[in-house]
Amino acid sequence: MKILRQIALLGACLVAPSAFAAGASPEFDAELLSIQQAWAKANYETPAGDARVHAFDALEKRAEKFTHDHPGRPEALIWEGIIESSYAGAKGGLGALSLCKEAKGNLEAALKLDPKALDGSAYTSLGTLYYKVPGFPVGFGDEDKAEKLLKKALEMNPDGIDPNFFYAEFLFERDRYQEALQRLDRAAHAAPRPGRESADKGRQGEIAALRAKVQEKLG
């Protein structure tokens, strides 16, 4: 079942050139960056299994408090959604669907507040959810919606590492290998994100692994 695949989303973070939120306080910016770095540690440096599940469980509670303490901040909602999605991927099984639904709600709320927040990261995260979650009647997955959202993310952040990588993954799973390779090339040459070195390193590893699969398919 699709939901068993790691939804490594989201994150890596879906923050493009800057980790900081427009108009936010230094304290908000510092906690946002700290949460992003904790996500990278849980997702890329923590062994899969119980250790990763526990790490995401603790981080999800922290992200929920962050959102509660900063109502109306789309950046907080985006990152709560990212963490819930990644937690679902680490947890797996049908029980993860409730986390995916919570993530969907938070990302949709962020889009209503400011679709441009964090360079349109909510579009990337939500689009990825739509293609990784099973469709009706089990879940809310929808490939057409997924592609529309991922393309919207690319409109807003055409050179970003995450929108290009996740669209490449979407294309690969639909046997559109040449298109996927083009997106992977763009993702591989994305500008480094200050403070997000661990996330960038992890994502570049995923880019290389997916590129190998694409090239194998292309012969």
N, C-alpha and C. Protein backbone atom coordinates (compact mmCIF):
# COMPACT_ATOMS: atom_id res chain seq x y z
N MET A 1 0.84 -1.19 0.00
CA MET A 1 0.00 0.00 0.00
C MET A 1 0.87 1.24 0.00
N LYS A 2 0.49 2.24 -0.76
CA LYS A 2 1.32 3.42 -0.91
C LYS A 2 1.71 4.06 0.41
N ILE A 3 0.79 4.08 1.35
CA ILE A 3 1.05 4.81 2.58
C ILE A 3 2.24 4.23 3.34
N LEU A 4 2.63 3.02 3.01
CA LEU A 4 3.76 2.41 3.67
C LEU A 4 5.08 3.02 3.22
N ARG A 5 5.07 3.69 2.08
CA ARG A 5 6.29 4.33 1.62
C ARG A 5 6.57 5.55 2.47
N GLN A 6 7.83 5.83 2.66
CA GLN A 6 8.16 6.98 3.48
C GLN A 6 7.79 8.25 2.75
N ILE A 7 7.05 9.07 3.40
CA ILE A 7 6.70 10.36 2.83
C ILE A 7 7.76 11.33 3.32
N ALA A 8 8.86 11.32 2.65
CA ALA A 8 10.01 12.04 3.16
C ALA A 8 9.92 13.46 2.80
N LEU A 9 9.01 13.96 2.77
CA LEU A 9 8.61 15.15 2.40
C LEU A 9 9.17 16.18 3.05
N LEU A 10 8.48 16.33 2.71
CA LEU A 10 8.05 17.33 3.10
C LEU A 10 9.08 17.81 3.81
N GLY A 11 9.76 18.02 3.55
CA GLY A 11 10.59 18.57 3.89
C GLY A 11 11.54 18.66 3.66
N ALA A 12 12.07 17.78 3.55
CA ALA A 12 13.22 18.23 3.58
C ALA A 12 12.82 19.44 3.42
N CYS A 13 12.88 19.99 3.69
CA CYS A 13 12.18 21.00 3.78
C CYS A 13 11.88 21.79 2.77
N LEU A 14 10.89 22.05 2.83
CA LEU A 14 10.30 22.72 1.81
C LEU A 14 10.57 24.15 1.97
N VAL A 15 11.68 24.53 2.32
CA VAL A 15 11.90 25.94 2.37
C VAL A 15 12.95 26.25 1.37
N ALA A 16 12.73 27.21 0.57
CA ALA A 16 13.67 27.43 -0.48
C ALA A 16 14.79 28.34 -0.10
N PRO A 17 14.97 29.48 -0.73
CA PRO A 17 16.20 30.19 -0.49
C PRO A 17 16.43 30.55 0.94
N SER A 18 15.38 30.79 1.69
CA SER A 18 15.57 31.22 3.08
C SER A 18 14.69 30.43 4.00
N ALA A 19 15.19 30.19 5.20
CA ALA A 19 14.40 29.46 6.20
C ALA A 19 13.53 30.40 6.99
N PHE A 20 13.67 31.71 6.76
CA PHE A 20 12.98 32.67 7.60
C PHE A 20 11.66 33.13 7.01
N ALA A 21 10.73 33.46 7.89
CA ALA A 21 9.40 33.85 7.47
C ALA A 21 9.30 35.37 7.41
N ALA A 22 8.69 35.87 6.36
CA ALA A 22 8.56 37.30 6.18
C ALA A 22 7.75 37.92 7.31
N GLY A 23 8.30 38.96 7.92
CA GLY A 23 7.57 39.68 8.96
C GLY A 23 7.55 39.01 10.31
N ALA A 24 8.25 37.91 10.47
CA ALA A 24 8.23 37.19 11.74
C ALA A 24 9.28 37.76 12.69
N SER A 25 9.15 37.42 13.96
CA SER A 25 10.11 37.87 14.96
C SER A 25 11.35 36.99 14.92
N PRO A 26 12.47 37.47 15.48
CA PRO A 26 13.68 36.63 15.54
C PRO A 26 13.43 35.32 16.29
N GLU A 27 12.58 35.37 17.31
CA GLU A 27 12.27 34.17 18.08
C GLU A 27 11.50 33.16 17.23
N PHE A 28 10.57 33.66 16.44
CA PHE A 28 9.80 32.79 15.54
C PHE A 28 10.75 32.15 14.52
N ASP A 29 11.60 32.98 13.91
CA ASP A 29 12.54 32.48 12.92
C ASP A 29 13.47 31.41 13.49
N ALA A 30 13.94 31.65 14.71
CA ALA A 30 14.87 30.72 15.34
C ALA A 30 14.21 29.38 15.61
N GLU A 31 12.97 29.40 16.09
CA GLU A 31 12.28 28.15 16.38
C GLU A 31 11.91 27.42 15.08
N LEU A 32 11.52 28.19 14.06
CA LEU A 32 11.21 27.58 12.78
C LEU A 32 12.44 26.85 12.23
N LEU A 33 13.58 27.50 12.24
CA LEU A 33 14.80 26.87 11.75
C LEU A 33 15.17 25.66 12.60
N SER A 34 15.01 25.77 13.91
CA SER A 34 15.33 24.66 14.80
C SER A 34 14.44 23.44 14.50
N ILE A 35 13.16 23.69 14.23
CA ILE A 35 12.24 22.60 13.88
C ILE A 35 12.65 21.97 12.55
N GLN A 36 13.02 22.80 11.59
CA GLN A 36 13.46 22.28 10.29
C GLN A 36 14.70 21.40 10.45
N GLN A 37 15.62 21.84 11.27
CA GLN A 37 16.85 21.07 11.49
C GLN A 37 16.55 19.77 12.23
N ALA A 38 15.60 19.82 13.17
CA ALA A 38 15.21 18.61 13.89
C ALA A 38 14.53 17.63 12.94
N TRP A 39 13.77 18.16 11.98
CA TRP A 39 13.14 17.29 10.98
C TRP A 39 14.22 16.54 10.19
N ALA A 40 15.24 17.27 9.75
CA ALA A 40 16.30 16.64 8.96
C ALA A 40 17.01 15.56 9.76
N LYS A 41 17.23 15.82 11.04
CA LYS A 41 17.88 14.83 11.89
C LYS A 41 17.02 13.58 12.02
N ALA A 42 15.72 13.77 12.26
CA ALA A 42 14.81 12.63 12.39
C ALA A 42 14.71 11.85 11.08
N ASN A 43 14.66 12.56 9.98
CA ASN A 43 14.40 11.92 8.70
C ASN A 43 15.62 11.28 8.07
N TYR A 44 16.77 11.90 8.25
CA TYR A 44 17.97 11.42 7.55
C TYR A 44 19.03 10.80 8.46
N GLU A 45 19.01 11.13 9.74
CA GLU A 45 20.07 10.67 10.61
C GLU A 45 19.61 9.66 11.66
N THR A 46 18.31 9.45 11.77
CA THR A 46 17.75 8.52 12.75
C THR A 46 17.38 7.21 12.06
N PRO A 47 17.82 6.08 12.58
CA PRO A 47 17.52 4.79 11.93
C PRO A 47 16.02 4.57 11.77
N ALA A 48 15.64 3.98 10.66
CA ALA A 48 14.23 3.65 10.44
C ALA A 48 13.76 2.66 11.48
N GLY A 49 12.47 2.72 11.80
CA GLY A 49 11.91 1.84 12.83
C GLY A 49 11.46 2.64 14.03
N ASP A 50 11.50 2.00 15.18
CA ASP A 50 10.98 2.63 16.40
C ASP A 50 11.66 3.95 16.72
N ALA A 51 12.97 4.03 16.52
CA ALA A 51 13.69 5.25 16.86
C ALA A 51 13.19 6.44 16.04
N ARG A 52 12.96 6.21 14.75
CA ARG A 52 12.47 7.30 13.91
C ARG A 52 11.03 7.65 14.25
N VAL A 53 10.22 6.66 14.52
CA VAL A 53 8.82 6.91 14.90
C VAL A 53 8.77 7.75 16.17
N HIS A 54 9.59 7.40 17.16
CA HIS A 54 9.61 8.15 18.41
C HIS A 54 10.10 9.58 18.18
N ALA A 55 11.09 9.74 17.31
CA ALA A 55 11.61 11.07 17.02
C ALA A 55 10.54 11.95 16.39
N PHE A 56 9.79 11.38 15.45
CA PHE A 56 8.74 12.16 14.80
C PHE A 56 7.55 12.40 15.73
N ASP A 57 7.30 11.48 16.63
CA ASP A 57 6.22 11.67 17.60
C ASP A 57 6.51 12.90 18.46
N ALA A 58 7.74 12.98 18.95
CA ALA A 58 8.13 14.13 19.78
C ALA A 58 8.13 15.42 18.97
N LEU A 59 8.60 15.34 17.74
CA LEU A 59 8.66 16.53 16.90
C LEU A 59 7.27 17.00 16.49
N GLU A 60 6.36 16.07 16.28
CA GLU A 60 4.99 16.45 15.94
C GLU A 60 4.35 17.24 17.07
N LYS A 61 4.59 16.83 18.31
CA LYS A 61 4.06 17.56 19.47
C LYS A 61 4.66 18.96 19.54
N ARG A 62 5.95 19.04 19.25
CA ARG A 62 6.62 20.35 19.26
C ARG A 62 6.05 21.26 18.17
N ALA A 63 5.84 20.72 16.99
CA ALA A 63 5.29 21.50 15.89
C ALA A 63 3.86 21.95 16.18
N GLU A 64 3.10 21.09 16.82
CA GLU A 64 1.72 21.44 17.18
C GLU A 64 1.71 22.62 18.15
N LYS A 65 2.62 22.62 19.12
CA LYS A 65 2.72 23.73 20.07
C LYS A 65 3.15 25.00 19.36
N PHE A 66 4.06 24.87 18.42
CA PHE A 66 4.54 26.01 17.65
C PHE A 66 3.37 26.67 16.90
N THR A 67 2.54 25.86 16.28
CA THR A 67 1.37 26.38 15.58
C THR A 67 0.40 27.04 16.55
N HIS A 68 0.20 26.39 17.70
CA HIS A 68 -0.71 26.93 18.72
C HIS A 68 -0.21 28.27 19.25
N ASP A 69 1.09 28.39 19.41
CA ASP A 69 1.68 29.62 19.95
C ASP A 69 1.73 30.75 18.93
N HIS A 70 1.56 30.40 17.65
CA HIS A 70 1.63 31.40 16.59
C HIS A 70 0.44 31.26 15.65
N PRO A 71 -0.77 31.50 16.15
CA PRO A 71 -1.95 31.36 15.30
C PRO A 71 -1.90 32.33 14.12
N GLY A 72 -2.35 31.83 13.00
CA GLY A 72 -2.36 32.68 11.82
C GLY A 72 -1.06 32.73 11.05
N ARG A 73 -0.06 31.95 11.49
CA ARG A 73 1.21 31.92 10.78
C ARG A 73 1.23 30.73 9.83
N PRO A 74 1.17 30.95 8.53
CA PRO A 74 1.14 29.82 7.59
C PRO A 74 2.41 28.97 7.65
N GLU A 75 3.56 29.58 7.99
CA GLU A 75 4.81 28.83 8.06
C GLU A 75 4.74 27.73 9.11
N ALA A 76 4.12 28.06 10.24
CA ALA A 76 3.97 27.06 11.31
C ALA A 76 3.05 25.93 10.86
N LEU A 77 1.96 26.28 10.20
CA LEU A 77 1.03 25.27 9.70
C LEU A 77 1.70 24.37 8.66
N ILE A 78 2.49 24.97 7.79
CA ILE A 78 3.19 24.18 6.77
C ILE A 78 4.10 23.16 7.42
N TRP A 79 4.85 23.61 8.42
CA TRP A 79 5.79 22.67 9.02
C TRP A 79 5.14 21.63 9.91
N GLU A 80 4.00 21.97 10.49
CA GLU A 80 3.26 20.94 11.21
C GLU A 80 2.78 19.89 10.22
N GLY A 81 2.30 20.34 9.05
CA GLY A 81 1.86 19.40 8.02
C GLY A 81 2.99 18.54 7.49
N ILE A 82 4.15 19.14 7.29
CA ILE A 82 5.31 18.40 6.81
C ILE A 82 5.69 17.30 7.80
N ILE A 83 5.74 17.67 9.06
CA ILE A 83 6.14 16.71 10.09
C ILE A 83 5.11 15.60 10.24
N GLU A 84 3.83 15.94 10.19
CA GLU A 84 2.80 14.91 10.28
C GLU A 84 2.91 13.94 9.10
N SER A 85 3.20 14.48 7.92
CA SER A 85 3.34 13.62 6.74
C SER A 85 4.53 12.68 6.88
N SER A 86 5.64 13.22 7.34
CA SER A 86 6.83 12.39 7.52
C SER A 86 6.63 11.36 8.63
N TYR A 87 5.94 11.76 9.68
CA TYR A 87 5.60 10.85 10.77
C TYR A 87 4.75 9.70 10.24
N ALA A 88 3.79 10.03 9.38
CA ALA A 88 2.95 8.99 8.78
C ALA A 88 3.79 8.01 7.98
N GLY A 89 4.75 8.54 7.22
CA GLY A 89 5.61 7.67 6.43
C GLY A 89 6.45 6.76 7.29
N ALA A 90 6.94 7.29 8.42
CA ALA A 90 7.76 6.48 9.32
C ALA A 90 6.91 5.43 10.04
N LYS A 91 5.69 5.81 10.37
CA LYS A 91 4.80 4.92 11.12
C LYS A 91 4.22 3.82 10.24
N GLY A 92 3.73 4.19 9.05
CA GLY A 92 3.19 3.23 8.11
C GLY A 92 1.86 2.65 8.53
N GLY A 93 1.25 1.89 7.62
CA GLY A 93 -0.01 1.22 7.91
C GLY A 93 -1.20 2.15 7.83
N LEU A 94 -2.38 1.58 7.97
CA LEU A 94 -3.60 2.37 7.88
C LEU A 94 -3.69 3.42 8.98
N GLY A 95 -3.04 3.16 10.10
CA GLY A 95 -3.05 4.13 11.20
C GLY A 95 -2.41 5.44 10.81
N ALA A 96 -1.56 5.41 9.79
CA ALA A 96 -0.89 6.63 9.35
C ALA A 96 -1.83 7.55 8.58
N LEU A 97 -2.95 7.03 8.11
CA LEU A 97 -3.86 7.85 7.32
C LEU A 97 -4.41 9.03 8.12
N SER A 98 -4.64 8.83 9.41
CA SER A 98 -5.16 9.93 10.22
C SER A 98 -4.15 11.08 10.27
N LEU A 99 -2.86 10.73 10.34
CA LEU A 99 -1.82 11.76 10.32
C LEU A 99 -1.80 12.48 8.98
N CYS A 100 -1.99 11.73 7.91
CA CYS A 100 -2.02 12.35 6.58
C CYS A 100 -3.20 13.31 6.45
N LYS A 101 -4.32 12.94 7.02
CA LYS A 101 -5.50 13.81 6.97
C LYS A 101 -5.26 15.08 7.77
N GLU A 102 -4.59 14.95 8.92
CA GLU A 102 -4.25 16.13 9.70
C GLU A 102 -3.30 17.03 8.93
N ALA A 103 -2.32 16.41 8.27
CA ALA A 103 -1.36 17.18 7.47
C ALA A 103 -2.09 17.92 6.35
N LYS A 104 -2.98 17.24 5.68
CA LYS A 104 -3.76 17.85 4.60
C LYS A 104 -4.51 19.08 5.11
N GLY A 105 -5.15 18.95 6.26
CA GLY A 105 -5.90 20.07 6.83
C GLY A 105 -5.01 21.26 7.15
N ASN A 106 -3.83 20.99 7.70
CA ASN A 106 -2.92 22.08 8.04
C ASN A 106 -2.36 22.76 6.79
N LEU A 107 -2.04 21.97 5.78
CA LEU A 107 -1.50 22.55 4.56
C LEU A 107 -2.57 23.36 3.82
N GLU A 108 -3.79 22.88 3.81
CA GLU A 108 -4.88 23.64 3.18
C GLU A 108 -5.13 24.94 3.93
N ALA A 109 -5.04 24.89 5.26
CA ALA A 109 -5.21 26.11 6.06
C ALA A 109 -4.10 27.11 5.76
N ALA A 110 -2.88 26.61 5.59
CA ALA A 110 -1.76 27.50 5.26
C ALA A 110 -1.97 28.17 3.90
N LEU A 111 -2.49 27.42 2.94
CA LEU A 111 -2.74 27.99 1.61
C LEU A 111 -3.80 29.10 1.66
N LYS A 112 -4.78 28.94 2.52
CA LYS A 112 -5.82 29.96 2.65
C LYS A 112 -5.24 31.24 3.25
N LEU A 113 -4.28 31.09 4.16
CA LEU A 113 -3.66 32.26 4.80
C LEU A 113 -2.71 32.97 3.85
N ASP A 114 -1.85 32.21 3.19
CA ASP A 114 -0.86 32.80 2.30
C ASP A 114 -0.26 31.72 1.40
N PRO A 115 -0.76 31.57 0.18
CA PRO A 115 -0.24 30.52 -0.70
C PRO A 115 1.23 30.72 -1.08
N LYS A 116 1.76 31.93 -0.88
CA LYS A 116 3.15 32.21 -1.24
C LYS A 116 4.12 31.94 -0.09
N ALA A 117 3.61 31.59 1.08
CA ALA A 117 4.47 31.38 2.24
C ALA A 117 5.52 30.30 1.96
N LEU A 118 6.76 30.59 2.37
CA LEU A 118 7.87 29.66 2.17
C LEU A 118 7.95 29.21 0.71
N ASP A 119 7.81 30.19 -0.18
CA ASP A 119 7.94 29.95 -1.62
C ASP A 119 6.97 28.88 -2.14
N GLY A 120 5.76 28.87 -1.58
CA GLY A 120 4.75 27.93 -2.07
C GLY A 120 4.95 26.51 -1.61
N SER A 121 5.65 26.33 -0.48
CA SER A 121 5.94 24.99 0.01
C SER A 121 4.70 24.16 0.29
N ALA A 122 3.60 24.83 0.67
CA ALA A 122 2.38 24.07 0.96
C ALA A 122 1.89 23.34 -0.28
N TYR A 123 2.08 23.92 -1.46
CA TYR A 123 1.68 23.25 -2.70
C TYR A 123 2.50 21.97 -2.91
N THR A 124 3.80 22.07 -2.68
CA THR A 124 4.65 20.88 -2.84
C THR A 124 4.24 19.78 -1.88
N SER A 125 4.07 20.14 -0.63
CA SER A 125 3.74 19.15 0.39
C SER A 125 2.37 18.52 0.16
N LEU A 126 1.40 19.36 -0.17
CA LEU A 126 0.05 18.84 -0.40
C LEU A 126 0.00 17.99 -1.66
N GLY A 127 0.68 18.42 -2.71
CA GLY A 127 0.72 17.63 -3.93
C GLY A 127 1.35 16.27 -3.70
N THR A 128 2.42 16.25 -2.90
CA THR A 128 3.07 14.98 -2.59
C THR A 128 2.15 14.06 -1.80
N LEU A 129 1.42 14.62 -0.87
CA LEU A 129 0.44 13.82 -0.13
C LEU A 129 -0.57 13.18 -1.07
N TYR A 130 -1.07 13.97 -2.01
CA TYR A 130 -2.11 13.47 -2.91
C TYR A 130 -1.64 12.31 -3.76
N TYR A 131 -0.33 12.23 -4.06
CA TYR A 131 0.08 11.08 -4.87
C TYR A 131 0.65 9.94 -4.05
N LYS A 132 0.93 10.16 -2.78
CA LYS A 132 1.46 9.07 -1.96
C LYS A 132 0.37 8.36 -1.15
N VAL A 133 -0.71 9.05 -0.90
CA VAL A 133 -1.80 8.46 -0.12
C VAL A 133 -2.72 7.66 -1.05
N PRO A 134 -3.23 6.51 -0.61
CA PRO A 134 -4.15 5.73 -1.45
C PRO A 134 -5.40 6.54 -1.80
N GLY A 135 -6.00 6.21 -2.91
CA GLY A 135 -7.22 6.89 -3.32
C GLY A 135 -8.46 6.32 -2.65
N PHE A 136 -9.61 6.83 -3.06
CA PHE A 136 -10.89 6.37 -2.53
C PHE A 136 -11.06 4.86 -2.81
N PRO A 137 -11.61 4.09 -1.89
CA PRO A 137 -12.28 4.50 -0.66
C PRO A 137 -11.38 4.50 0.58
N VAL A 138 -10.11 4.15 0.41
CA VAL A 138 -9.23 4.08 1.58
C VAL A 138 -8.78 5.46 2.02
N GLY A 139 -8.33 6.26 1.07
CA GLY A 139 -7.79 7.57 1.41
C GLY A 139 -8.27 8.64 0.45
N PHE A 140 -7.54 9.76 0.43
CA PHE A 140 -7.94 10.90 -0.40
C PHE A 140 -7.03 11.10 -1.60
N GLY A 141 -6.17 10.14 -1.88
CA GLY A 141 -5.22 10.28 -2.97
C GLY A 141 -5.88 10.58 -4.30
N ASP A 142 -5.20 11.41 -5.11
CA ASP A 142 -5.76 11.81 -6.40
C ASP A 142 -4.59 12.27 -7.26
N GLU A 143 -4.26 11.51 -8.31
CA GLU A 143 -3.09 11.82 -9.13
C GLU A 143 -3.26 13.12 -9.91
N ASP A 144 -4.46 13.41 -10.38
CA ASP A 144 -4.69 14.64 -11.13
C ASP A 144 -4.49 15.87 -10.25
N LYS A 145 -5.04 15.82 -9.04
CA LYS A 145 -4.85 16.93 -8.11
C LYS A 145 -3.37 17.06 -7.73
N ALA A 146 -2.72 15.92 -7.56
CA ALA A 146 -1.31 15.93 -7.20
C ALA A 146 -0.49 16.68 -8.24
N GLU A 147 -0.71 16.37 -9.51
CA GLU A 147 0.10 17.01 -10.55
C GLU A 147 -0.20 18.50 -10.65
N LYS A 148 -1.43 18.89 -10.50
CA LYS A 148 -1.78 20.31 -10.54
C LYS A 148 -1.08 21.07 -9.41
N LEU A 149 -1.08 20.50 -8.23
CA LEU A 149 -0.45 21.15 -7.09
C LEU A 149 1.07 21.21 -7.25
N LEU A 150 1.66 20.15 -7.74
CA LEU A 150 3.11 20.12 -7.93
C LEU A 150 3.54 21.11 -9.02
N LYS A 151 2.74 21.25 -10.05
CA LYS A 151 3.05 22.23 -11.09
C LYS A 151 2.90 23.65 -10.56
N LYS A 152 1.93 23.86 -9.69
CA LYS A 152 1.76 25.17 -9.08
C LYS A 152 2.97 25.50 -8.21
N ALA A 153 3.47 24.51 -7.49
CA ALA A 153 4.66 24.72 -6.67
C ALA A 153 5.84 25.14 -7.53
N LEU A 154 5.98 24.52 -8.69
CA LEU A 154 7.08 24.85 -9.59
C LEU A 154 6.93 26.24 -10.19
N GLU A 155 5.71 26.68 -10.41
CA GLU A 155 5.48 28.04 -10.88
C GLU A 155 6.02 29.05 -9.87
N MET A 156 5.84 28.74 -8.60
CA MET A 156 6.23 29.66 -7.54
C MET A 156 7.70 29.54 -7.17
N ASN A 157 8.28 28.38 -7.38
CA ASN A 157 9.67 28.16 -7.00
C ASN A 157 10.32 27.23 -8.04
N PRO A 158 10.53 27.73 -9.26
CA PRO A 158 10.97 26.87 -10.36
C PRO A 158 12.34 26.23 -10.19
N ASP A 159 13.18 26.82 -9.37
CA ASP A 159 14.53 26.28 -9.19
C ASP A 159 14.73 25.59 -7.84
N GLY A 160 13.65 25.43 -7.07
CA GLY A 160 13.76 24.84 -5.74
C GLY A 160 14.08 23.36 -5.78
N ILE A 161 14.83 22.90 -4.80
CA ILE A 161 15.22 21.49 -4.75
C ILE A 161 14.02 20.59 -4.53
N ASP A 162 13.13 20.97 -3.62
CA ASP A 162 12.01 20.09 -3.27
C ASP A 162 10.93 20.01 -4.34
N PRO A 163 10.43 21.15 -4.87
CA PRO A 163 9.39 21.01 -5.90
C PRO A 163 9.87 20.24 -7.11
N ASN A 164 11.14 20.42 -7.49
CA ASN A 164 11.67 19.66 -8.62
C ASN A 164 11.83 18.18 -8.31
N PHE A 165 12.34 17.87 -7.10
CA PHE A 165 12.52 16.46 -6.75
C PHE A 165 11.19 15.73 -6.67
N PHE A 166 10.21 16.31 -5.99
CA PHE A 166 8.95 15.59 -5.80
C PHE A 166 8.16 15.47 -7.09
N TYR A 167 8.29 16.46 -7.98
CA TYR A 167 7.64 16.30 -9.27
C TYR A 167 8.37 15.23 -10.08
N ALA A 168 9.68 15.17 -9.97
CA ALA A 168 10.45 14.11 -10.65
C ALA A 168 10.01 12.74 -10.15
N GLU A 169 9.82 12.60 -8.86
CA GLU A 169 9.38 11.32 -8.29
C GLU A 169 8.00 10.96 -8.82
N PHE A 170 7.11 11.95 -8.87
CA PHE A 170 5.77 11.74 -9.42
C PHE A 170 5.86 11.26 -10.87
N LEU A 171 6.69 11.91 -11.67
CA LEU A 171 6.83 11.56 -13.08
C LEU A 171 7.43 10.16 -13.25
N PHE A 172 8.41 9.83 -12.43
CA PHE A 172 9.03 8.51 -12.50
C PHE A 172 8.01 7.41 -12.26
N GLU A 173 7.16 7.59 -11.28
CA GLU A 173 6.18 6.57 -10.94
C GLU A 173 5.08 6.45 -12.00
N ARG A 174 5.07 7.39 -12.93
CA ARG A 174 4.11 7.32 -14.03
C ARG A 174 4.82 7.05 -15.36
N ASP A 175 6.03 6.53 -15.27
CA ASP A 175 6.82 6.10 -16.44
C ASP A 175 7.16 7.25 -17.38
N ARG A 176 7.21 8.45 -16.88
CA ARG A 176 7.58 9.62 -17.68
C ARG A 176 9.05 9.94 -17.39
N TYR A 177 9.91 9.08 -17.86
CA TYR A 177 11.30 9.08 -17.41
C TYR A 177 12.12 10.28 -17.90
N GLN A 178 11.95 10.68 -19.14
CA GLN A 178 12.71 11.82 -19.64
C GLN A 178 12.34 13.10 -18.90
N GLU A 179 11.05 13.28 -18.65
CA GLU A 179 10.62 14.45 -17.89
C GLU A 179 11.18 14.40 -16.47
N ALA A 180 11.17 13.22 -15.88
CA ALA A 180 11.70 13.06 -14.53
C ALA A 180 13.17 13.43 -14.47
N LEU A 181 13.92 13.01 -15.48
CA LEU A 181 15.36 13.29 -15.51
C LEU A 181 15.61 14.80 -15.60
N GLN A 182 14.81 15.49 -16.36
CA GLN A 182 14.97 16.94 -16.47
C GLN A 182 14.75 17.61 -15.12
N ARG A 183 13.75 17.15 -14.39
CA ARG A 183 13.46 17.74 -13.08
C ARG A 183 14.56 17.39 -12.07
N LEU A 184 15.09 16.20 -12.17
CA LEU A 184 16.18 15.82 -11.27
C LEU A 184 17.42 16.66 -11.53
N ASP A 185 17.69 16.97 -12.79
CA ASP A 185 18.83 17.84 -13.11
C ASP A 185 18.65 19.21 -12.47
N ARG A 186 17.44 19.74 -12.55
CA ARG A 186 17.16 21.04 -11.95
C ARG A 186 17.30 20.97 -10.42
N ALA A 187 16.78 19.91 -9.83
CA ALA A 187 16.87 19.76 -8.38
C ALA A 187 18.32 19.64 -7.91
N ALA A 188 19.11 18.90 -8.66
CA ALA A 188 20.51 18.68 -8.27
C ALA A 188 21.32 19.96 -8.27
N HIS A 189 20.90 20.95 -9.06
CA HIS A 189 21.63 22.20 -9.16
C HIS A 189 20.98 23.33 -8.38
N ALA A 190 20.06 23.00 -7.49
CA ALA A 190 19.40 24.02 -6.67
C ALA A 190 20.41 24.69 -5.73
N ALA A 191 20.16 25.93 -5.43
CA ALA A 191 21.04 26.68 -4.54
C ALA A 191 20.98 26.10 -3.13
N PRO A 192 22.10 26.07 -2.43
CA PRO A 192 22.11 25.59 -1.03
C PRO A 192 21.22 26.47 -0.15
N ARG A 193 20.64 25.88 0.87
CA ARG A 193 19.78 26.61 1.79
C ARG A 193 20.51 26.86 3.09
N PRO A 194 20.76 28.10 3.45
CA PRO A 194 21.49 28.41 4.69
C PRO A 194 20.83 27.79 5.91
N GLY A 195 21.62 27.09 6.71
CA GLY A 195 21.09 26.44 7.90
C GLY A 195 20.45 25.11 7.64
N ARG A 196 20.33 24.73 6.37
CA ARG A 196 19.64 23.50 6.00
C ARG A 196 20.59 22.50 5.36
N GLU A 197 21.83 22.54 5.79
CA GLU A 197 22.86 21.70 5.17
C GLU A 197 22.53 20.21 5.26
N SER A 198 22.04 19.76 6.41
CA SER A 198 21.71 18.35 6.59
C SER A 198 20.56 17.94 5.68
N ALA A 199 19.55 18.81 5.59
CA ALA A 199 18.42 18.52 4.71
C ALA A 199 18.84 18.48 3.25
N ASP A 200 19.69 19.43 2.85
CA ASP A 200 20.16 19.45 1.47
C ASP A 200 20.97 18.20 1.14
N LYS A 201 21.82 17.79 2.07
CA LYS A 201 22.63 16.59 1.85
C LYS A 201 21.73 15.35 1.70
N GLY A 202 20.76 15.24 2.58
CA GLY A 202 19.85 14.10 2.49
C GLY A 202 19.04 14.10 1.21
N ARG A 203 18.56 15.27 0.81
CA ARG A 203 17.76 15.35 -0.41
C ARG A 203 18.62 15.05 -1.64
N GLN A 204 19.86 15.54 -1.64
CA GLN A 204 20.74 15.25 -2.77
C GLN A 204 20.99 13.75 -2.89
N GLY A 205 21.05 13.07 -1.76
CA GLY A 205 21.18 11.61 -1.80
C GLY A 205 19.97 10.96 -2.44
N GLU A 206 18.79 11.47 -2.13
CA GLU A 206 17.56 10.95 -2.74
C GLU A 206 17.50 11.25 -4.23
N ILE A 207 17.99 12.42 -4.60
CA ILE A 207 18.04 12.78 -6.02
C ILE A 207 18.94 11.81 -6.78
N ALA A 208 20.11 11.52 -6.23
CA ALA A 208 21.04 10.60 -6.88
C ALA A 208 20.45 9.20 -7.01
N ALA A 209 19.77 8.74 -5.95
CA ALA A 209 19.17 7.41 -5.97
C ALA A 209 18.06 7.32 -7.01
N LEU A 210 17.23 8.37 -7.10
CA LEU A 210 16.15 8.36 -8.08
C LEU A 210 16.72 8.48 -9.49
N ARG A 211 17.78 9.26 -9.66
CA ARG A 211 18.40 9.38 -10.98
C ARG A 211 18.88 8.02 -11.48
N ALA A 212 19.47 7.24 -10.58
CA ALA A 212 19.96 5.90 -10.95
C ALA A 212 18.79 5.03 -11.44
N LYS A 213 17.65 5.13 -10.78
CA LYS A 213 16.48 4.34 -11.19
C LYS A 213 15.97 4.80 -12.56
N VAL A 214 15.96 6.10 -12.76
CA VAL A 214 15.50 6.63 -14.04
C VAL A 214 16.42 6.17 -15.17
N GLN A 215 17.72 6.28 -14.95
CA GLN A 215 18.68 5.88 -15.99
C GLN A 215 18.61 4.39 -16.28
N GLU A 216 18.32 3.60 -15.25
CA GLU A 216 18.14 2.16 -15.47
C GLU A 216 16.95 1.90 -16.38
N LYS A 217 15.87 2.63 -16.16
CA LYS A 217 14.67 2.47 -16.98
C LYS A 217 14.93 2.92 -18.42
N LEU A 218 15.75 3.95 -18.57
CA LEU A 218 16.04 4.45 -19.89
C LEU A 218 17.08 3.61 -20.63
N GLY A 219 17.74 2.73 -19.87
CA GLY A 219 18.72 1.84 -20.48
C GLY A 219 20.05 2.53 -20.75
